[in-house]
Amino acid sequence: MTEVQDLDFDNDDSIREAMSLIDRGLGDISERQIVSTSEVADLLLDVRSVLARLDPEVSPN
């Protein structure tokens, strides 16, 4: 999984960080025909961890 820094972001920064993770992930896999499920799961978990910071009621796990 990509290392996600645990910093204090406001909503706009968290959304930009999530979009950046998505863009990097899509750039890494866009040229390949086969993508492993673990790579997709890692990307989704990275994005979820960033977005979870926006809502304190969301469980980090």
N, C-alpha and C. Protein backbone atom coordinates (compact mmCIF):
# COMPACT_ATOMS: atom_id res chain seq x y z
N MET A 1 0.84 -1.17 0.00
CA MET A 1 0.00 0.00 0.00
C MET A 1 0.89 1.24 0.00
N THR A 2 0.48 2.27 -0.70
CA THR A 2 1.22 3.52 -0.74
C THR A 2 1.20 4.16 0.63
N GLU A 3 2.34 4.70 1.04
CA GLU A 3 2.40 5.35 2.35
C GLU A 3 1.60 6.63 2.33
N VAL A 4 0.67 6.75 3.26
CA VAL A 4 -0.15 7.94 3.38
C VAL A 4 0.27 8.65 4.64
N GLN A 5 0.72 9.89 4.49
CA GLN A 5 1.16 10.65 5.65
C GLN A 5 -0.04 11.04 6.47
N ASP A 6 0.09 10.94 7.79
CA ASP A 6 -1.00 11.29 8.70
C ASP A 6 -0.82 12.74 9.14
N LEU A 7 -1.29 13.65 8.29
CA LEU A 7 -1.20 15.06 8.56
C LEU A 7 -2.59 15.62 8.77
N ASP A 8 -2.67 16.80 9.37
CA ASP A 8 -3.95 17.44 9.61
C ASP A 8 -4.33 18.27 8.39
N PHE A 9 -5.28 17.81 7.59
CA PHE A 9 -5.70 18.47 6.37
C PHE A 9 -7.10 19.02 6.54
N ASP A 10 -7.38 20.12 5.85
CA ASP A 10 -8.78 20.51 5.75
C ASP A 10 -9.40 19.72 4.61
N ASN A 11 -10.68 19.86 4.40
CA ASN A 11 -11.39 19.05 3.41
C ASN A 11 -10.83 19.20 2.01
N ASP A 12 -10.51 20.42 1.59
CA ASP A 12 -10.00 20.64 0.23
C ASP A 12 -8.67 19.92 0.02
N ASP A 13 -7.78 19.99 1.01
CA ASP A 13 -6.48 19.32 0.87
C ASP A 13 -6.65 17.80 0.84
N SER A 14 -7.56 17.27 1.63
CA SER A 14 -7.79 15.83 1.64
C SER A 14 -8.36 15.36 0.31
N ILE A 15 -9.27 16.13 -0.25
CA ILE A 15 -9.84 15.77 -1.54
C ILE A 15 -8.77 15.83 -2.62
N ARG A 16 -7.92 16.86 -2.60
CA ARG A 16 -6.84 16.95 -3.58
C ARG A 16 -5.86 15.81 -3.43
N GLU A 17 -5.56 15.43 -2.19
CA GLU A 17 -4.65 14.31 -1.96
C GLU A 17 -5.25 13.01 -2.48
N ALA A 18 -6.54 12.79 -2.24
CA ALA A 18 -7.21 11.59 -2.74
C ALA A 18 -7.18 11.56 -4.26
N MET A 19 -7.45 12.70 -4.88
CA MET A 19 -7.43 12.75 -6.34
C MET A 19 -6.02 12.50 -6.88
N SER A 20 -5.02 12.99 -6.17
CA SER A 20 -3.64 12.76 -6.58
C SER A 20 -3.29 11.27 -6.50
N LEU A 21 -3.73 10.60 -5.43
CA LEU A 21 -3.51 9.15 -5.30
C LEU A 21 -4.17 8.40 -6.45
N ILE A 22 -5.38 8.80 -6.78
CA ILE A 22 -6.10 8.15 -7.89
C ILE A 22 -5.36 8.37 -9.19
N ASP A 23 -4.95 9.61 -9.45
CA ASP A 23 -4.24 9.92 -10.69
C ASP A 23 -2.94 9.13 -10.81
N ARG A 24 -2.18 9.05 -9.72
CA ARG A 24 -0.93 8.27 -9.75
C ARG A 24 -1.22 6.80 -9.99
N GLY A 25 -2.22 6.28 -9.28
CA GLY A 25 -2.56 4.86 -9.45
C GLY A 25 -3.02 4.55 -10.86
N LEU A 26 -3.87 5.41 -11.41
CA LEU A 26 -4.35 5.18 -12.77
C LEU A 26 -3.21 5.31 -13.78
N GLY A 27 -2.30 6.25 -13.52
CA GLY A 27 -1.14 6.40 -14.42
C GLY A 27 -0.26 5.16 -14.41
N ASP A 28 -0.13 4.55 -13.24
CA ASP A 28 0.71 3.35 -13.12
C ASP A 28 0.11 2.15 -13.85
N ILE A 29 -1.23 2.06 -13.88
CA ILE A 29 -1.86 0.87 -14.45
C ILE A 29 -2.46 1.08 -15.83
N SER A 30 -2.47 2.32 -16.32
CA SER A 30 -3.16 2.60 -17.57
C SER A 30 -2.56 1.89 -18.79
N GLU A 31 -1.29 1.62 -18.76
CA GLU A 31 -0.61 0.99 -19.91
C GLU A 31 -0.67 -0.53 -19.87
N ARG A 32 -1.13 -1.09 -18.75
CA ARG A 32 -1.12 -2.55 -18.62
C ARG A 32 -2.49 -3.14 -18.92
N GLN A 33 -2.48 -4.36 -19.42
CA GLN A 33 -3.73 -5.04 -19.72
C GLN A 33 -4.26 -5.80 -18.50
N ILE A 34 -3.34 -6.22 -17.63
CA ILE A 34 -3.74 -6.99 -16.45
C ILE A 34 -3.27 -6.25 -15.20
N VAL A 35 -4.18 -6.08 -14.26
CA VAL A 35 -3.86 -5.43 -12.99
C VAL A 35 -4.29 -6.39 -11.89
N SER A 36 -3.40 -6.62 -10.94
CA SER A 36 -3.73 -7.55 -9.86
C SER A 36 -4.77 -6.94 -8.93
N THR A 37 -5.55 -7.81 -8.34
CA THR A 37 -6.57 -7.35 -7.40
C THR A 37 -5.94 -6.68 -6.18
N SER A 38 -4.75 -7.13 -5.80
CA SER A 38 -4.09 -6.51 -4.63
C SER A 38 -3.69 -5.07 -4.93
N GLU A 39 -3.27 -4.79 -6.18
CA GLU A 39 -2.93 -3.41 -6.54
C GLU A 39 -4.16 -2.51 -6.51
N VAL A 40 -5.28 -3.01 -6.99
CA VAL A 40 -6.52 -2.25 -6.97
C VAL A 40 -6.97 -2.04 -5.52
N ALA A 41 -6.89 -3.08 -4.71
CA ALA A 41 -7.27 -2.97 -3.31
C ALA A 41 -6.39 -1.96 -2.58
N ASP A 42 -5.10 -1.97 -2.84
CA ASP A 42 -4.19 -1.00 -2.22
C ASP A 42 -4.58 0.43 -2.57
N LEU A 43 -4.88 0.67 -3.84
CA LEU A 43 -5.27 2.00 -4.27
C LEU A 43 -6.56 2.43 -3.58
N LEU A 44 -7.54 1.54 -3.52
CA LEU A 44 -8.81 1.87 -2.88
C LEU A 44 -8.62 2.13 -1.38
N LEU A 45 -7.78 1.34 -0.72
CA LEU A 45 -7.52 1.55 0.70
C LEU A 45 -6.82 2.88 0.95
N ASP A 46 -5.89 3.24 0.06
CA ASP A 46 -5.21 4.53 0.19
C ASP A 46 -6.20 5.68 0.09
N VAL A 47 -7.07 5.60 -0.91
CA VAL A 47 -8.06 6.66 -1.11
C VAL A 47 -9.03 6.70 0.07
N ARG A 48 -9.45 5.54 0.55
CA ARG A 48 -10.38 5.50 1.68
C ARG A 48 -9.75 6.13 2.93
N SER A 49 -8.48 5.85 3.17
CA SER A 49 -7.83 6.41 4.36
C SER A 49 -7.74 7.93 4.30
N VAL A 50 -7.54 8.47 3.11
CA VAL A 50 -7.51 9.93 2.96
C VAL A 50 -8.91 10.50 3.18
N LEU A 51 -9.91 9.89 2.56
CA LEU A 51 -11.27 10.40 2.68
C LEU A 51 -11.84 10.22 4.08
N ALA A 52 -11.40 9.20 4.80
CA ALA A 52 -11.89 8.96 6.16
C ALA A 52 -11.53 10.10 7.10
N ARG A 53 -10.45 10.82 6.78
CA ARG A 53 -10.07 11.96 7.60
C ARG A 53 -11.10 13.08 7.54
N LEU A 54 -11.93 13.08 6.52
CA LEU A 54 -12.95 14.12 6.36
C LEU A 54 -14.10 13.94 7.32
N ASP A 55 -14.34 12.72 7.77
CA ASP A 55 -15.48 12.44 8.63
C ASP A 55 -15.01 11.71 9.88
N PRO A 56 -15.02 12.36 11.03
CA PRO A 56 -14.50 11.71 12.25
C PRO A 56 -15.32 10.51 12.69
N GLU A 57 -16.54 10.34 12.18
CA GLU A 57 -17.37 9.19 12.55
C GLU A 57 -17.03 7.94 11.76
N VAL A 58 -16.21 8.08 10.71
CA VAL A 58 -15.82 6.94 9.88
C VAL A 58 -14.70 6.19 10.59
N SER A 59 -14.84 4.88 10.68
CA SER A 59 -13.82 4.06 11.30
C SER A 59 -12.57 4.02 10.41
N PRO A 60 -11.36 4.21 10.98
CA PRO A 60 -10.15 4.17 10.17
C PRO A 60 -9.82 2.78 9.65
N ASN A 61 -10.47 1.74 10.14
CA ASN A 61 -10.17 0.36 9.70
C ASN A 61 -11.14 -0.07 8.66
